[in-house]
Amino acid sequence: INTTQFSYATWVHVNGNDSYNQHISSQAENLDPAAGSIQGGGGAFRKKEKAEEDQYFQEKTKQQLIALKKHHEDEIKITRRLNICRNKLNGVKQKIKKLKYIN
């Protein structure tokens, strides 16, 4: 059964021709559910596919960790610069207070 037959069978059923629909349904019941499925297969091909998939996700995870580490390092640099600026600002504020106190 192909998708065109299935779609037509569904249309026929909705429009009231059950005999054709029953014929198509009986054909669908006789199909092998694993037909055309890579997962249903076995042997070397399946192992190779699984190994490639595992390798892909390991590489993806590695790239994500590298990006996360870089982001973390950037955040640390920004925080250090921010602390330096805050300290300078506090120093300027103290000088302003002293000048106001003197005057």
PDB file of N, CA and C in Angstrom:
ATOM      1  N   ILE A   1       0.874  -1.190   0.000  1.00  0.00           N
ATOM      2  CA  ILE A   1       0.000   0.000   0.000  1.00  0.00           C
ATOM      3  C   ILE A   1       0.899   1.224   0.000  1.00  0.00           C
ATOM      4  N   ASN A   2       0.622   2.154  -0.816  1.00  0.00           N
ATOM      5  CA  ASN A   2       1.400   3.387  -0.807  1.00  0.00           C
ATOM      6  C   ASN A   2       0.539   4.513  -0.241  1.00  0.00           C
ATOM      7  N   THR A   3       1.138   5.665  -0.077  1.00  0.00           N
ATOM      8  CA  THR A   3       0.404   6.769   0.556  1.00  0.00           C
ATOM      9  C   THR A   3      -0.766   7.232  -0.279  1.00  0.00           C
ATOM     10  N   THR A   4      -0.648   7.110  -1.604  1.00  0.00           N
ATOM     11  CA  THR A   4      -1.764   7.525  -2.461  1.00  0.00           C
ATOM     12  C   THR A   4      -2.956   6.612  -2.244  1.00  0.00           C
ATOM     13  N   GLN A   5      -2.694   5.302  -2.188  1.00  0.00           N
ATOM     14  CA  GLN A   5      -3.782   4.359  -1.933  1.00  0.00           C
ATOM     15  C   GLN A   5      -4.385   4.596  -0.558  1.00  0.00           C
ATOM     16  N   PHE A   6      -3.514   4.822   0.427  1.00  0.00           N
ATOM     17  CA  PHE A   6      -4.017   5.033   1.780  1.00  0.00           C
ATOM     18  C   PHE A   6      -4.869   6.297   1.840  1.00  0.00           C
ATOM     19  N   SER A   7      -4.403   7.363   1.224  1.00  0.00           N
ATOM     20  CA  SER A   7      -5.170   8.610   1.227  1.00  0.00           C
ATOM     21  C   SER A   7      -6.497   8.422   0.516  1.00  0.00           C
ATOM     22  N   TYR A   8      -6.464   7.704  -0.620  1.00  0.00           N
ATOM     23  CA  TYR A   8      -7.689   7.463  -1.365  1.00  0.00           C
ATOM     24  C   TYR A   8      -8.637   6.587  -0.550  1.00  0.00           C
ATOM     25  N   ALA A   9      -8.063   5.565   0.130  1.00  0.00           N
ATOM     26  CA  ALA A   9      -8.889   4.683   0.953  1.00  0.00           C
ATOM     27  C   ALA A   9      -9.536   5.469   2.079  1.00  0.00           C
ATOM     28  N   THR A  10      -8.823   6.369   2.676  1.00  0.00           N
ATOM     29  CA  THR A  10      -9.381   7.200   3.737  1.00  0.00           C
ATOM     30  C   THR A  10     -10.480   8.088   3.182  1.00  0.00           C
ATOM     31  N   TRP A  11     -10.256   8.671   2.003  1.00  0.00           N
ATOM     32  CA  TRP A  11     -11.263   9.531   1.377  1.00  0.00           C
ATOM     33  C   TRP A  11     -12.512   8.730   1.050  1.00  0.00           C
ATOM     34  N   VAL A  12     -12.314   7.506   0.501  1.00  0.00           N
ATOM     35  CA  VAL A  12     -13.457   6.661   0.138  1.00  0.00           C
ATOM     36  C   VAL A  12     -14.237   6.284   1.382  1.00  0.00           C
ATOM     37  N   HIS A  13     -13.522   5.947   2.455  1.00  0.00           N
ATOM     38  CA  HIS A  13     -14.195   5.569   3.699  1.00  0.00           C
ATOM     39  C   HIS A  13     -15.026   6.738   4.242  1.00  0.00           C
ATOM     40  N   VAL A  14     -14.458   7.903   4.225  1.00  0.00           N
ATOM     41  CA  VAL A  14     -15.175   9.077   4.713  1.00  0.00           C
ATOM     42  C   VAL A  14     -16.408   9.346   3.858  1.00  0.00           C
ATOM     43  N   ASN A  15     -16.291   9.071   2.566  1.00  0.00           N
ATOM     44  CA  ASN A  15     -17.405   9.320   1.655  1.00  0.00           C
ATOM     45  C   ASN A  15     -18.337   8.121   1.497  1.00  0.00           C
ATOM     46  N   GLY A  16     -18.129   7.065   2.253  1.00  0.00           N
ATOM     47  CA  GLY A  16     -19.119   6.004   2.353  1.00  0.00           C
ATOM     48  C   GLY A  16     -18.893   4.741   1.561  1.00  0.00           C
ATOM     49  N   ASN A  17     -17.762   4.501   0.910  1.00  0.00           N
ATOM     50  CA  ASN A  17     -17.538   3.259   0.172  1.00  0.00           C
ATOM     51  C   ASN A  17     -16.664   2.346   1.020  1.00  0.00           C
ATOM     52  N   ASP A  18     -17.298   1.566   1.902  1.00  0.00           N
ATOM     53  CA  ASP A  18     -16.560   0.727   2.841  1.00  0.00           C
ATOM     54  C   ASP A  18     -15.929  -0.503   2.196  1.00  0.00           C
ATOM     55  N   SER A  19     -16.445  -1.002   1.091  1.00  0.00           N
ATOM     56  CA  SER A  19     -15.889  -2.218   0.494  1.00  0.00           C
ATOM     57  C   SER A  19     -14.454  -1.972   0.013  1.00  0.00           C
ATOM     58  N   TYR A  20     -14.209  -0.846  -0.622  1.00  0.00           N
ATOM     59  CA  TYR A  20     -12.852  -0.523  -1.067  1.00  0.00           C
ATOM     60  C   TYR A  20     -11.949  -0.322   0.141  1.00  0.00           C
ATOM     61  N   ASN A  21     -12.460   0.339   1.145  1.00  0.00           N
ATOM     62  CA  ASN A  21     -11.684   0.592   2.352  1.00  0.00           C
ATOM     63  C   ASN A  21     -11.308  -0.713   3.037  1.00  0.00           C
ATOM     64  N   GLN A  22     -12.228  -1.684   3.094  1.00  0.00           N
ATOM     65  CA  GLN A  22     -11.925  -2.971   3.714  1.00  0.00           C
ATOM     66  C   GLN A  22     -10.840  -3.696   2.926  1.00  0.00           C
ATOM     67  N   HIS A  23     -10.873  -3.603   1.611  1.00  0.00           N
ATOM     68  CA  HIS A  23      -9.862  -4.230   0.766  1.00  0.00           C
ATOM     69  C   HIS A  23      -8.487  -3.623   1.051  1.00  0.00           C
ATOM     70  N   ILE A  24      -8.412  -2.319   1.095  1.00  0.00           N
ATOM     71  CA  ILE A  24      -7.145  -1.639   1.378  1.00  0.00           C
ATOM     72  C   ILE A  24      -6.679  -1.962   2.791  1.00  0.00           C
ATOM     73  N   SER A  25      -7.600  -2.000   3.751  1.00  0.00           N
ATOM     74  CA  SER A  25      -7.233  -2.310   5.133  1.00  0.00           C
ATOM     75  C   SER A  25      -6.657  -3.707   5.235  1.00  0.00           C
ATOM     76  N   SER A  26      -7.234  -4.674   4.515  1.00  0.00           N
ATOM     77  CA  SER A  26      -6.718  -6.040   4.568  1.00  0.00           C
ATOM     78  C   SER A  26      -5.320  -6.102   3.958  1.00  0.00           C
ATOM     79  N   GLN A  27      -5.052  -5.294   2.921  1.00  0.00           N
ATOM     80  CA  GLN A  27      -3.707  -5.248   2.349  1.00  0.00           C
ATOM     81  C   GLN A  27      -2.719  -4.670   3.355  1.00  0.00           C
ATOM     82  N   ALA A  28      -3.135  -3.666   4.089  1.00  0.00           N
ATOM     83  CA  ALA A  28      -2.256  -3.030   5.071  1.00  0.00           C
ATOM     84  C   ALA A  28      -1.923  -3.981   6.205  1.00  0.00           C
ATOM     85  N   GLU A  29      -2.847  -4.843   6.577  1.00  0.00           N
ATOM     86  CA  GLU A  29      -2.597  -5.794   7.664  1.00  0.00           C
ATOM     87  C   GLU A  29      -1.544  -6.817   7.278  1.00  0.00           C
ATOM     88  N   ASN A  30      -1.391  -7.096   5.975  1.00  0.00           N
ATOM     89  CA  ASN A  30      -0.446  -8.105   5.512  1.00  0.00           C
ATOM     90  C   ASN A  30       0.972  -7.568   5.352  1.00  0.00           C
ATOM     91  N   LEU A  31       1.174  -6.280   5.537  1.00  0.00           N
ATOM     92  CA  LEU A  31       2.500  -5.692   5.366  1.00  0.00           C
ATOM     93  C   LEU A  31       3.387  -5.998   6.559  1.00  0.00           C
ATOM     94  N   ASP A  32       4.677  -6.139   6.284  1.00  0.00           N
ATOM     95  CA  ASP A  32       5.664  -6.339   7.336  1.00  0.00           C
ATOM     96  C   ASP A  32       5.985  -4.986   7.956  1.00  0.00           C
ATOM     97  N   PRO A  33       5.752  -4.806   9.276  1.00  0.00           N
ATOM     98  CA  PRO A  33       5.992  -3.496   9.888  1.00  0.00           C
ATOM     99  C   PRO A  33       7.461  -3.085   9.882  1.00  0.00           C
ATOM    100  N   ALA A  34       8.367  -4.061   9.766  1.00  0.00           N
ATOM    101  CA  ALA A  34       9.796  -3.736   9.779  1.00  0.00           C
ATOM    102  C   ALA A  34      10.339  -3.489   8.375  1.00  0.00           C
ATOM    103  N   ALA A  35       9.502  -3.643   7.366  1.00  0.00           N
ATOM    104  CA  ALA A  35       9.970  -3.463   5.990  1.00  0.00           C
ATOM    105  C   ALA A  35      10.437  -2.028   5.775  1.00  0.00           C
ATOM    106  N   GLY A  36      11.626  -1.891   5.227  1.00  0.00           N
ATOM    107  CA  GLY A  36      12.167  -0.568   4.943  1.00  0.00           C
ATOM    108  C   GLY A  36      12.757   0.133   6.147  1.00  0.00           C
ATOM    109  N   SER A  37      12.777  -0.525   7.278  1.00  0.00           N
ATOM    110  CA  SER A  37      13.279   0.097   8.497  1.00  0.00           C
ATOM    111  C   SER A  37      14.734  -0.276   8.711  1.00  0.00           C
ATOM    112  N   ILE A  38      15.558   0.705   8.946  1.00  0.00           N
ATOM    113  CA  ILE A  38      16.965   0.440   9.256  1.00  0.00           C
ATOM    114  C   ILE A  38      17.062  -0.247  10.610  1.00  0.00           C
ATOM    115  N   GLN A  39      16.241   0.183  11.560  1.00  0.00           N
ATOM    116  CA  GLN A  39      16.279  -0.384  12.903  1.00  0.00           C
ATOM    117  C   GLN A  39      15.911  -1.863  12.894  1.00  0.00           C
ATOM    118  N   GLY A  40      15.057  -2.269  11.969  1.00  0.00           N
ATOM    119  CA  GLY A  40      14.645  -3.662  11.905  1.00  0.00           C
ATOM    120  C   GLY A  40      15.758  -4.555  11.393  1.00  0.00           C
ATOM    121  N   GLY A  41      16.699  -3.996  10.666  1.00  0.00           N
ATOM    122  CA  GLY A  41      17.812  -4.762  10.137  1.00  0.00           C
ATOM    123  C   GLY A  41      18.793  -5.095  11.244  1.00  0.00           C
ATOM    124  N   GLY A  42      19.791  -5.842  10.899  1.00  0.00           N
ATOM    125  CA  GLY A  42      20.781  -6.181  11.909  1.00  0.00           C
ATOM    126  C   GLY A  42      22.156  -6.182  11.295  1.00  0.00           C
ATOM    127  N   GLY A  43      23.074  -6.722  12.037  1.00  0.00           N
ATOM    128  CA  GLY A  43      24.402  -6.919  11.500  1.00  0.00           C
ATOM    129  C   GLY A  43      25.260  -5.676  11.469  1.00  0.00           C
ATOM    130  N   ALA A  44      26.196  -5.722  10.537  1.00  0.00           N
ATOM    131  CA  ALA A  44      27.233  -4.699  10.460  1.00  0.00           C
ATOM    132  C   ALA A  44      26.683  -3.319  10.120  1.00  0.00           C
ATOM    133  N   PHE A  45      25.671  -3.265   9.249  1.00  0.00           N
ATOM    134  CA  PHE A  45      25.126  -1.960   8.861  1.00  0.00           C
ATOM    135  C   PHE A  45      24.552  -1.233  10.069  1.00  0.00           C
ATOM    136  N   ARG A  46      23.815  -1.937  10.881  1.00  0.00           N
ATOM    137  CA  ARG A  46      23.209  -1.322  12.070  1.00  0.00           C
ATOM    138  C   ARG A  46      24.290  -0.868  13.051  1.00  0.00           C
ATOM    139  N   LYS A  47      25.297  -1.705  13.228  1.00  0.00           N
ATOM    140  CA  LYS A  47      26.386  -1.342  14.144  1.00  0.00           C
ATOM    141  C   LYS A  47      27.125  -0.103  13.644  1.00  0.00           C
ATOM    142  N   LYS A  48      27.352  -0.049  12.322  1.00  0.00           N
ATOM    143  CA  LYS A  48      28.041   1.101  11.735  1.00  0.00           C
ATOM    144  C   LYS A  48      27.217   2.368  11.928  1.00  0.00           C
ATOM    145  N   GLU A  49      25.923   2.287  11.659  1.00  0.00           N
ATOM    146  CA  GLU A  49      25.042   3.442  11.834  1.00  0.00           C
ATOM    147  C   GLU A  49      25.041   3.913  13.287  1.00  0.00           C
ATOM    148  N   LYS A  50      24.976   2.964  14.226  1.00  0.00           N
ATOM    149  CA  LYS A  50      24.970   3.320  15.651  1.00  0.00           C
ATOM    150  C   LYS A  50      26.289   3.979  16.036  1.00  0.00           C
ATOM    151  N   ALA A  51      27.399   3.438  15.535  1.00  0.00           N
ATOM    152  CA  ALA A  51      28.712   4.021  15.839  1.00  0.00           C
ATOM    153  C   ALA A  51      28.823   5.440  15.291  1.00  0.00           C
ATOM    154  N   GLU A  52      28.327   5.658  14.066  1.00  0.00           N
ATOM    155  CA  GLU A  52      28.368   7.002  13.482  1.00  0.00           C
ATOM    156  C   GLU A  52      27.479   7.964  14.263  1.00  0.00           C
ATOM    157  N   GLU A  53      26.325   7.480  14.694  1.00  0.00           N
ATOM    158  CA  GLU A  53      25.421   8.325  15.482  1.00  0.00           C
ATOM    159  C   GLU A  53      26.059   8.687  16.822  1.00  0.00           C
ATOM    160  N   ASP A  54      26.665   7.693  17.481  1.00  0.00           N
ATOM    161  CA  ASP A  54      27.335   7.953  18.757  1.00  0.00           C
ATOM    162  C   ASP A  54      28.472   8.955  18.579  1.00  0.00           C
ATOM    163  N   GLN A  55      29.241   8.784  17.507  1.00  0.00           N
ATOM    164  CA  GLN A  55      30.350   9.698  17.238  1.00  0.00           C
ATOM    165  C   GLN A  55      29.837  11.112  16.996  1.00  0.00           C
ATOM    166  N   TYR A  56      28.734  11.241  16.275  1.00  0.00           N
ATOM    167  CA  TYR A  56      28.142  12.556  16.003  1.00  0.00           C
ATOM    168  C   TYR A  56      27.764  13.248  17.309  1.00  0.00           C
ATOM    169  N   PHE A  57      27.088  12.516  18.201  1.00  0.00           N
ATOM    170  CA  PHE A  57      26.648  13.135  19.451  1.00  0.00           C
ATOM    171  C   PHE A  57      27.820  13.437  20.377  1.00  0.00           C
ATOM    172  N   GLN A  58      28.861  12.610  20.344  1.00  0.00           N
ATOM    173  CA  GLN A  58      30.051  12.913  21.138  1.00  0.00           C
ATOM    174  C   GLN A  58      30.710  14.195  20.643  1.00  0.00           C
ATOM    175  N   GLU A  59      30.815  14.344  19.335  1.00  0.00           N
ATOM    176  CA  GLU A  59      31.410  15.557  18.756  1.00  0.00           C
ATOM    177  C   GLU A  59      30.552  16.778  19.074  1.00  0.00           C
ATOM    178  N   LYS A  60      29.234  16.620  18.977  1.00  0.00           N
ATOM    179  CA  LYS A  60      28.315  17.720  19.275  1.00  0.00           C
ATOM    180  C   LYS A  60      28.459  18.137  20.744  1.00  0.00           C
ATOM    181  N   THR A  61      28.533  17.159  21.638  1.00  0.00           N
ATOM    182  CA  THR A  61      28.703  17.447  23.061  1.00  0.00           C
ATOM    183  C   THR A  61      30.033  18.143  23.312  1.00  0.00           C
ATOM    184  N   LYS A  62      31.089  17.681  22.634  1.00  0.00           N
ATOM    185  CA  LYS A  62      32.410  18.295  22.780  1.00  0.00           C
ATOM    186  C   LYS A  62      32.369  19.757  22.351  1.00  0.00           C
ATOM    187  N   GLN A  63      31.720  20.038  21.215  1.00  0.00           N
ATOM    188  CA  GLN A  63      31.603  21.414  20.728  1.00  0.00           C
ATOM    189  C   GLN A  63      30.812  22.281  21.704  1.00  0.00           C
ATOM    190  N   GLN A  64      29.757  21.720  22.275  1.00  0.00           N
ATOM    191  CA  GLN A  64      28.953  22.476  23.233  1.00  0.00           C
ATOM    192  C   GLN A  64      29.757  22.790  24.489  1.00  0.00           C
ATOM    193  N   LEU A  65      30.557  21.826  24.955  1.00  0.00           N
ATOM    194  CA  LEU A  65      31.387  22.061  26.141  1.00  0.00           C
ATOM    195  C   LEU A  65      32.456  23.118  25.871  1.00  0.00           C
ATOM    196  N   ILE A  66      33.038  23.093  24.687  1.00  0.00           N
ATOM    197  CA  ILE A  66      34.035  24.109  24.323  1.00  0.00           C
ATOM    198  C   ILE A  66      33.390  25.488  24.311  1.00  0.00           C
ATOM    199  N   ALA A  67      32.200  25.580  23.722  1.00  0.00           N
ATOM    200  CA  ALA A  67      31.491  26.866  23.674  1.00  0.00           C
ATOM    201  C   ALA A  67      31.116  27.333  25.076  1.00  0.00           C
ATOM    202  N   LEU A  68      30.682  26.406  25.925  1.00  0.00           N
ATOM    203  CA  LEU A  68      30.318  26.758  27.300  1.00  0.00           C
ATOM    204  C   LEU A  68      31.541  27.238  28.077  1.00  0.00           C
ATOM    205  N   LYS A  69      32.679  26.564  27.892  1.00  0.00           N
ATOM    206  CA  LYS A  69      33.909  26.969  28.573  1.00  0.00           C
ATOM    207  C   LYS A  69      34.328  28.375  28.139  1.00  0.00           C
ATOM    208  N   LYS A  70      34.264  28.652  26.824  1.00  0.00           N
ATOM    209  CA  LYS A  70      34.617  29.980  26.320  1.00  0.00           C
ATOM    210  C   LYS A  70      33.680  31.037  26.892  1.00  0.00           C
ATOM    211  N   HIS A  71      32.392  30.742  26.920  1.00  0.00           N
ATOM    212  CA  HIS A  71      31.414  31.679  27.473  1.00  0.00           C
ATOM    213  C   HIS A  71      31.715  31.944  28.953  1.00  0.00           C
ATOM    214  N   HIS A  72      32.042  30.886  29.686  1.00  0.00           N
ATOM    215  CA  HIS A  72      32.359  31.027  31.113  1.00  0.00           C
ATOM    216  C   HIS A  72      33.611  31.892  31.304  1.00  0.00           C
ATOM    217  N   GLU A  73      34.630  31.649  30.486  1.00  0.00           N
ATOM    218  CA  GLU A  73      35.853  32.452  30.577  1.00  0.00           C
ATOM    219  C   GLU A  73      35.571  33.915  30.246  1.00  0.00           C
ATOM    220  N   ASP A  74      34.735  34.152  29.245  1.00  0.00           N
ATOM    221  CA  ASP A  74      34.360  35.529  28.894  1.00  0.00           C
ATOM    222  C   ASP A  74      33.624  36.202  30.048  1.00  0.00           C
ATOM    223  N   GLU A  75      32.738  35.472  30.692  1.00  0.00           N
ATOM    224  CA  GLU A  75      32.000  36.020  31.838  1.00  0.00           C
ATOM    225  C   GLU A  75      32.953  36.381  32.981  1.00  0.00           C
ATOM    226  N   ILE A  76      33.954  35.538  33.207  1.00  0.00           N
ATOM    227  CA  ILE A  76      34.942  35.817  34.260  1.00  0.00           C
ATOM    228  C   ILE A  76      35.718  37.092  33.923  1.00  0.00           C
ATOM    229  N   LYS A  77      36.150  37.246  32.663  1.00  0.00           N
ATOM    230  CA  LYS A  77      36.877  38.457  32.251  1.00  0.00           C
ATOM    231  C   LYS A  77      36.018  39.702  32.442  1.00  0.00           C
ATOM    232  N   ILE A  78      34.772  39.618  32.040  1.00  0.00           N
ATOM    233  CA  ILE A  78      33.863  40.763  32.174  1.00  0.00           C
ATOM    234  C   ILE A  78      33.663  41.118  33.640  1.00  0.00           C
ATOM    235  N   THR A  79      33.500  40.104  34.480  1.00  0.00           N
ATOM    236  CA  THR A  79      33.306  40.350  35.912  1.00  0.00           C
ATOM    237  C   THR A  79      34.538  41.013  36.522  1.00  0.00           C
ATOM    238  N   ARG A  80      35.731  40.557  36.125  1.00  0.00           N
ATOM    239  CA  ARG A  80      36.963  41.169  36.637  1.00  0.00           C
ATOM    240  C   ARG A  80      37.061  42.635  36.215  1.00  0.00           C
ATOM    241  N   ARG A  81      36.764  42.911  34.934  1.00  0.00           N
ATOM    242  CA  ARG A  81      36.797  44.300  34.458  1.00  0.00           C
ATOM    243  C   ARG A  81      35.769  45.158  35.185  1.00  0.00           C
ATOM    244  N   LEU A  82      34.607  44.592  35.410  1.00  0.00           N
ATOM    245  CA  LEU A  82      33.553  45.310  36.126  1.00  0.00           C
ATOM    246  C   LEU A  82      33.993  45.637  37.552  1.00  0.00           C
ATOM    247  N   ASN A  83      34.642  44.685  38.214  1.00  0.00           N
ATOM    248  CA  ASN A  83      35.129  44.936  39.576  1.00  0.00           C
ATOM    249  C   ASN A  83      36.199  46.028  39.591  1.00  0.00           C
ATOM    250  N   ILE A  84      37.077  46.031  38.594  1.00  0.00           N
ATOM    251  CA  ILE A  84      38.099  47.080  38.506  1.00  0.00           C
ATOM    252  C   ILE A  84      37.433  48.440  38.336  1.00  0.00           C
ATOM    253  N   CYS A  85      36.446  48.511  37.458  1.00  0.00           N
ATOM    254  CA  CYS A  85      35.732  49.779  37.239  1.00  0.00           C
ATOM    255  C   CYS A  85      35.000  50.226  38.504  1.00  0.00           C
ATOM    256  N   ARG A  86      34.403  49.291  39.216  1.00  0.00           N
ATOM    257  CA  ARG A  86      33.706  49.636  40.467  1.00  0.00           C
ATOM    258  C   ARG A  86      34.687  50.195  41.495  1.00  0.00           C
ATOM    259  N   ASN A  87      35.855  49.556  41.592  1.00  0.00           N
ATOM    260  CA  ASN A  87      36.858  50.042  42.539  1.00  0.00           C
ATOM    261  C   ASN A  87      37.324  51.454  42.172  1.00  0.00           C
ATOM    262  N   LYS A  88      37.543  51.705  40.888  1.00  0.00           N
ATOM    263  CA  LYS A  88      37.933  53.048  40.452  1.00  0.00           C
ATOM    264  C   LYS A  88      36.829  54.050  40.749  1.00  0.00           C
ATOM    265  N   LEU A  89      35.594  53.666  40.501  1.00  0.00           N
ATOM    266  CA  LEU A  89      34.458  54.542  40.769  1.00  0.00           C
ATOM    267  C   LEU A  89      34.354  54.854  42.263  1.00  0.00           C
ATOM    268  N   ASN A  90      34.548  53.837  43.094  1.00  0.00           N
ATOM    269  CA  ASN A  90      34.517  54.075  44.545  1.00  0.00           C
ATOM    270  C   ASN A  90      35.629  55.027  44.971  1.00  0.00           C
ATOM    271  N   GLY A  91      36.804  54.880  44.345  1.00  0.00           N
ATOM    272  CA  GLY A  91      37.908  55.798  44.645  1.00  0.00           C
ATOM    273  C   GLY A  91      37.556  57.231  44.268  1.00  0.00           C
ATOM    274  N   VAL A  92      36.933  57.413  43.121  1.00  0.00           N
ATOM    275  CA  VAL A  92      36.527  58.754  42.686  1.00  0.00           C
ATOM    276  C   VAL A  92      35.475  59.309  43.638  1.00  0.00           C
ATOM    277  N   LYS A  93      34.530  58.480  44.056  1.00  0.00           N
ATOM    278  CA  LYS A  93      33.488  58.925  44.996  1.00  0.00           C
ATOM    279  C   LYS A  93      34.108  59.372  46.319  1.00  0.00           C
ATOM    280  N   GLN A  94      35.118  58.630  46.778  1.00  0.00           N
ATOM    281  CA  GLN A  94      35.785  59.005  48.028  1.00  0.00           C
ATOM    282  C   GLN A  94      36.498  60.357  47.884  1.00  0.00           C
ATOM    283  N   LYS A  95      37.139  60.567  46.738  1.00  0.00           N
ATOM    284  CA  LYS A  95      37.808  61.847  46.496  1.00  0.00           C
ATOM    285  C   LYS A  95      36.796  62.983  46.474  1.00  0.00           C
ATOM    286  N   ILE A  96      35.640  62.758  45.866  1.00  0.00           N
ATOM    287  CA  ILE A  96      34.591  63.784  45.815  1.00  0.00           C
ATOM    288  C   ILE A  96      34.106  64.106  47.222  1.00  0.00           C
ATOM    289  N   LYS A  97      33.925  63.079  48.050  1.00  0.00           N
ATOM    290  CA  LYS A  97      33.481  63.305  49.434  1.00  0.00           C
ATOM    291  C   LYS A  97      34.517  64.125  50.205  1.00  0.00           C
ATOM    292  N   LYS A  98      35.813  63.804  50.009  1.00  0.00           N
ATOM    293  CA  LYS A  98      36.869  64.545  50.694  1.00  0.00           C
ATOM    294  C   LYS A  98      36.877  66.001  50.254  1.00  0.00           C
ATOM    295  N   LEU A  99      36.717  66.224  48.952  1.00  0.00           N
ATOM    296  CA  LEU A  99      36.695  67.593  48.441  1.00  0.00           C
ATOM    297  C   LEU A  99      35.500  68.360  48.996  1.00  0.00           C
ATOM    298  N   LYS A 100      34.354  67.715  49.105  1.00  0.00           N
ATOM    299  CA  LYS A 100      33.177  68.378  49.669  1.00  0.00           C
ATOM    300  C   LYS A 100      33.390  68.670  51.146  1.00  0.00           C
ATOM    301  N   TYR A 101      34.074  67.776  51.835  1.00  0.00           N
ATOM    302  CA  TYR A 101      34.312  67.964  53.262  1.00  0.00           C
ATOM    303  C   TYR A 101      35.286  69.118  53.495  1.00  0.00           C
ATOM    304  N   ILE A 102      36.289  69.217  52.612  1.00  0.00           N
ATOM    305  CA  ILE A 102      37.279  70.281  52.740  1.00  0.00           C
ATOM    306  C   ILE A 102      36.633  71.635  52.461  1.00  0.00           C
ATOM    307  N   ASN A 103      35.794  71.706  51.467  1.00  0.00           N
ATOM    308  CA  ASN A 103      35.188  72.988  51.101  1.00  0.00           C
ATOM    309  C   ASN A 103      34.076  73.228  52.033  1.00  0.00           C
TER     310      ASN A 103
END
